[in-house]
């Protein structure tokens, strides 16, 4: 998490598996990704392509700061066409609070209508073979589907970004998403992010202490 203080202790282990006690605690504060740039940014967290007009997009903010959407747009790539459609802007003053989401829904949607932050039929006129791009200052930062590819990837389905994903990507990977049946909006209006912790085995390092 950006701009957050984390504290750590370490145990040493020798080649026989003997463990030391915990070291003294050391604390450090992460940088403020939300204001200093880098590849941490808002990202698509849910996609609903249901029956009729039951279509919605959800965008999550885990940048460490509130994000004003004035520099962001959404563009659609219909039926694998050669270009993106026109930039579709968010309403003036639209903001995503840190660790919150923003839901764009079709005005004709009949599911989870109490979760809508913005009704926009143009942003939600996609079908299951249309790529959707999230742009910042007209630069693509996140995508659902594959640009210029007419293959169906999301027809009659709800896709929810896996909680281990912490940033946008310009390459669509269906493995980053959990899928649910058509018209399922149980997760709409909230998103969980879980940071992974890698287990590292140190075989030859100055950090190893002989007991």
Protein backbone atom coordinates (compact mmCIF):
# COMPACT_ATOMS: atom_id res chain seq x y z
CA UNK A 1 0.00 0.00 0.00
CA UNK A 2 1.34 3.42 -0.92
CA UNK A 3 2.41 5.89 1.79
CA UNK A 4 2.05 3.24 4.48
CA UNK A 5 4.40 2.33 7.32
CA UNK A 6 5.39 -1.36 7.52
CA UNK A 7 7.44 -3.00 10.26
CA UNK A 8 9.43 -6.24 9.93
CA UNK A 9 11.36 -8.69 12.06
CA UNK A 10 13.68 -11.42 10.75
CA UNK A 11 14.72 -14.88 11.93
CA UNK A 12 17.99 -16.44 10.87
CA UNK A 13 18.33 -20.15 10.09
CA UNK A 14 21.41 -22.29 9.64
CA UNK A 15 22.01 -25.26 7.35
CA UNK A 16 20.73 -27.65 10.03
CA UNK A 17 17.45 -25.86 10.34
CA UNK A 18 18.15 -24.21 13.69
CA UNK A 19 16.39 -20.88 14.09
CA UNK A 20 17.45 -17.77 15.92
CA UNK A 21 15.15 -15.48 17.82
CA UNK A 22 13.50 -12.56 16.09
CA UNK A 23 15.68 -9.60 15.17
CA UNK A 24 14.98 -6.06 16.29
CA UNK A 25 12.04 -4.51 14.48
CA UNK A 26 12.74 -2.28 11.48
CA UNK A 27 10.10 0.04 10.02
CA UNK A 28 9.94 1.77 6.64
CA UNK A 29 7.29 3.83 4.81
CA UNK A 30 6.41 3.05 1.20
CA UNK A 31 6.39 5.82 -1.40
CA UNK A 32 3.20 7.67 -2.35
CA UNK A 33 2.49 5.99 -5.70
CA UNK A 34 -0.76 7.88 -6.04
CA UNK A 35 1.01 11.20 -6.58
CA UNK A 36 4.49 10.32 -7.74
CA UNK A 37 3.55 8.32 -10.81
CA UNK A 38 4.84 4.88 -11.81
CA UNK A 39 2.68 1.97 -12.98
CA UNK A 40 0.41 1.89 -9.92
CA UNK A 41 -2.86 3.45 -11.07
CA UNK A 42 -6.58 2.83 -11.14
CA UNK A 43 -7.73 -0.24 -13.06
CA UNK A 44 -10.80 -2.11 -14.27
CA UNK A 45 -11.99 -4.36 -11.45
CA UNK A 46 -15.30 -5.71 -12.81
CA UNK A 47 -16.98 -6.21 -16.19
CA UNK A 48 -20.61 -7.20 -16.62
CA UNK A 49 -21.92 -8.23 -20.04
CA UNK A 50 -25.35 -9.59 -19.18
CA UNK A 51 -28.69 -9.94 -20.88
CA UNK A 52 -30.20 -6.93 -22.65
CA UNK A 53 -28.86 -3.68 -21.19
CA UNK A 54 -27.39 -5.29 -18.07
CA UNK A 55 -23.88 -3.98 -18.67
CA UNK A 56 -21.50 -2.32 -16.25
CA UNK A 57 -17.85 -1.47 -15.65
CA UNK A 58 -16.18 -1.03 -12.30
CA UNK A 59 -12.90 0.82 -11.71
CA UNK A 60 -10.89 0.36 -8.50
CA UNK A 61 -8.49 2.75 -6.81
CA UNK A 62 -5.69 1.32 -4.66
CA UNK A 63 -3.14 4.03 -5.41
CA UNK A 64 -2.93 5.37 -1.88
CA UNK A 65 -4.64 8.66 -2.79
CA UNK A 66 -8.01 9.89 -4.05
CA UNK A 67 -8.06 10.04 -7.86
CA UNK A 68 -9.90 12.71 -9.87
CA UNK A 69 -11.12 11.22 -13.15
CA UNK A 70 -10.75 14.41 -15.20
CA UNK A 71 -7.65 13.05 -17.01
CA UNK A 72 -9.16 9.60 -17.64
CA UNK A 73 -11.37 8.38 -20.48
CA UNK A 74 -12.79 5.11 -21.75
CA UNK A 75 -12.64 4.03 -25.38
CA UNK A 76 -14.26 1.04 -27.08
CA UNK A 77 -12.90 -1.04 -29.95
CA UNK A 78 -15.98 -2.46 -31.67
CA UNK A 79 -15.92 -5.84 -33.41
CA UNK A 80 -12.14 -5.94 -33.78
CA UNK A 81 -12.00 -2.72 -35.78
CA UNK A 82 -8.75 -1.03 -36.71
CA UNK A 83 -9.14 1.95 -34.37
CA UNK A 84 -10.44 2.93 -30.96
CA UNK A 85 -13.75 4.74 -30.81
CA UNK A 86 -14.05 8.29 -29.49
CA UNK A 87 -12.85 9.13 -25.99
CA UNK A 88 -15.71 8.97 -23.47
CA UNK A 89 -15.16 11.28 -20.51
CA UNK A 90 -16.35 11.03 -16.92
CA UNK A 91 -18.62 13.73 -15.47
CA UNK A 92 -16.99 16.86 -14.07
CA UNK A 93 -15.70 16.38 -10.54
CA UNK A 94 -15.92 12.57 -10.61
CA UNK A 95 -13.45 11.12 -8.10
CA UNK A 96 -12.60 7.65 -6.78
CA UNK A 97 -11.70 7.63 -3.12
CA UNK A 98 -8.66 5.58 -2.19
CA UNK A 99 -9.58 1.89 -1.67
CA UNK A 100 -12.99 2.45 -3.25
CA UNK A 101 -14.55 1.76 -6.65
CA UNK A 102 -16.49 3.66 -9.29
CA UNK A 103 -19.32 1.92 -11.18
CA UNK A 104 -20.46 2.92 -14.68
CA UNK A 105 -23.69 1.22 -15.74
CA UNK A 106 -26.04 1.24 -18.68
CA UNK A 107 -29.15 3.35 -18.11
CA UNK A 108 -31.34 0.39 -19.04
CA UNK A 109 -29.76 -1.99 -16.55
CA UNK A 110 -32.13 -3.74 -14.16
CA UNK A 111 -29.54 -5.37 -11.85
CA UNK A 112 -27.72 -3.84 -8.86
CA UNK A 113 -28.92 -0.36 -9.76
CA UNK A 114 -28.16 0.88 -6.24
CA UNK A 115 -24.41 0.45 -6.94
CA UNK A 116 -24.28 2.86 -9.91
CA UNK A 117 -22.08 5.95 -9.68
CA UNK A 118 -22.62 7.01 -13.28
CA UNK A 119 -25.14 5.99 -15.95
CA UNK A 120 -23.64 6.19 -19.42
CA UNK A 121 -24.97 4.18 -22.35
CA UNK A 122 -22.03 5.01 -24.63
CA UNK A 123 -19.43 3.65 -22.20
CA UNK A 124 -21.50 0.50 -21.75
CA UNK A 125 -22.49 -0.19 -25.36
CA UNK A 126 -19.98 -3.05 -25.61
CA UNK A 127 -20.64 -6.67 -26.48
CA UNK A 128 -18.60 -9.75 -25.61
CA UNK A 129 -16.13 -9.27 -28.46
CA UNK A 130 -15.43 -5.54 -27.97
CA UNK A 131 -12.19 -4.46 -26.29
CA UNK A 132 -12.50 -1.69 -23.68
CA UNK A 133 -9.62 0.62 -22.88
CA UNK A 134 -9.00 2.85 -19.87
CA UNK A 135 -6.90 5.85 -20.89
CA UNK A 136 -5.01 8.45 -18.86
CA UNK A 137 -4.09 11.64 -20.72
CA UNK A 138 -5.06 9.71 -23.87
CA UNK A 139 -2.52 6.94 -23.13
CA UNK A 140 -3.85 3.41 -22.69
CA UNK A 141 -3.23 2.10 -19.15
CA UNK A 142 -5.66 -0.82 -18.81
CA UNK A 143 -7.67 -3.02 -21.16
CA UNK A 144 -10.41 -5.64 -21.14
CA UNK A 145 -10.31 -7.77 -24.28
CA UNK A 146 -7.82 -7.64 -27.14
CA UNK A 147 -7.54 -4.59 -29.41
CA UNK A 148 -8.38 -5.35 -33.06
CA UNK A 149 -9.51 -8.90 -32.21
CA UNK A 150 -13.10 -9.91 -32.93
CA UNK A 151 -12.95 -13.09 -30.81
CA UNK A 152 -15.57 -13.32 -28.09
CA UNK A 153 -13.98 -13.27 -24.65
CA UNK A 154 -16.77 -11.89 -22.45
CA UNK A 155 -20.23 -12.67 -23.78
CA UNK A 156 -22.97 -13.22 -21.19
CA UNK A 157 -20.54 -13.25 -18.30
CA UNK A 158 -19.37 -11.27 -15.28
CA UNK A 159 -15.61 -10.91 -14.89
CA UNK A 160 -14.09 -9.80 -11.57
CA UNK A 161 -10.39 -8.93 -11.30
CA UNK A 162 -8.55 -11.28 -8.99
CA UNK A 163 -7.59 -9.76 -5.62
CA UNK A 164 -3.87 -10.30 -6.27
CA UNK A 165 -3.90 -7.81 -9.17
CA UNK A 166 -2.66 -4.44 -7.91
CA UNK A 167 -2.20 -2.38 -11.08
CA UNK A 168 -3.46 -1.87 -14.64
CA UNK A 169 -1.99 -3.56 -17.69
CA UNK A 170 -2.14 -2.90 -21.42
CA UNK A 171 -2.12 -6.63 -22.22
CA UNK A 172 -5.34 -8.50 -21.51
CA UNK A 173 -4.88 -11.75 -19.60
CA UNK A 174 -8.04 -13.70 -18.80
CA UNK A 175 -6.08 -15.41 -16.04
CA UNK A 176 -6.27 -12.14 -14.05
CA UNK A 177 -10.06 -12.49 -13.84
CA UNK A 178 -12.58 -14.70 -12.06
CA UNK A 179 -15.71 -15.40 -14.08
CA UNK A 180 -19.31 -15.62 -12.89
CA UNK A 181 -22.62 -16.36 -14.64
CA UNK A 182 -24.54 -13.81 -16.69
CA UNK A 183 -26.25 -11.00 -14.73
CA UNK A 184 -24.26 -11.78 -11.58
CA UNK A 185 -23.45 -8.54 -9.79
CA UNK A 186 -22.82 -9.86 -6.27
CA UNK A 187 -19.38 -8.22 -6.21
CA UNK A 188 -20.36 -4.94 -7.86
CA UNK A 189 -19.69 -1.82 -5.81
CA UNK A 190 -16.72 -3.17 -3.88
CA UNK A 191 -13.39 -4.78 -4.62
CA UNK A 192 -10.89 -6.64 -2.47
CA UNK A 193 -7.16 -6.47 -3.01
CA UNK A 194 -4.86 -9.00 -1.36
CA UNK A 195 -1.12 -8.48 -1.55
CA UNK A 196 0.81 -11.73 -1.95
CA UNK A 197 3.78 -12.70 0.20
CA UNK A 198 6.51 -14.79 -1.40
CA UNK A 199 8.34 -17.45 0.61
CA UNK A 200 12.02 -17.06 -0.15
CA UNK A 201 14.50 -19.80 0.69
CA UNK A 202 17.99 -18.41 1.28
CA UNK A 203 20.67 -21.05 0.75
CA UNK A 204 23.82 -18.96 0.63
CA UNK A 205 23.62 -15.46 2.04
CA UNK A 206 25.23 -13.21 4.58
CA UNK A 207 21.83 -13.13 6.27
CA UNK A 208 22.32 -16.70 7.48
CA UNK A 209 23.55 -16.89 11.04
CA UNK A 210 25.36 -19.91 12.39
CA UNK A 211 23.95 -20.87 15.76
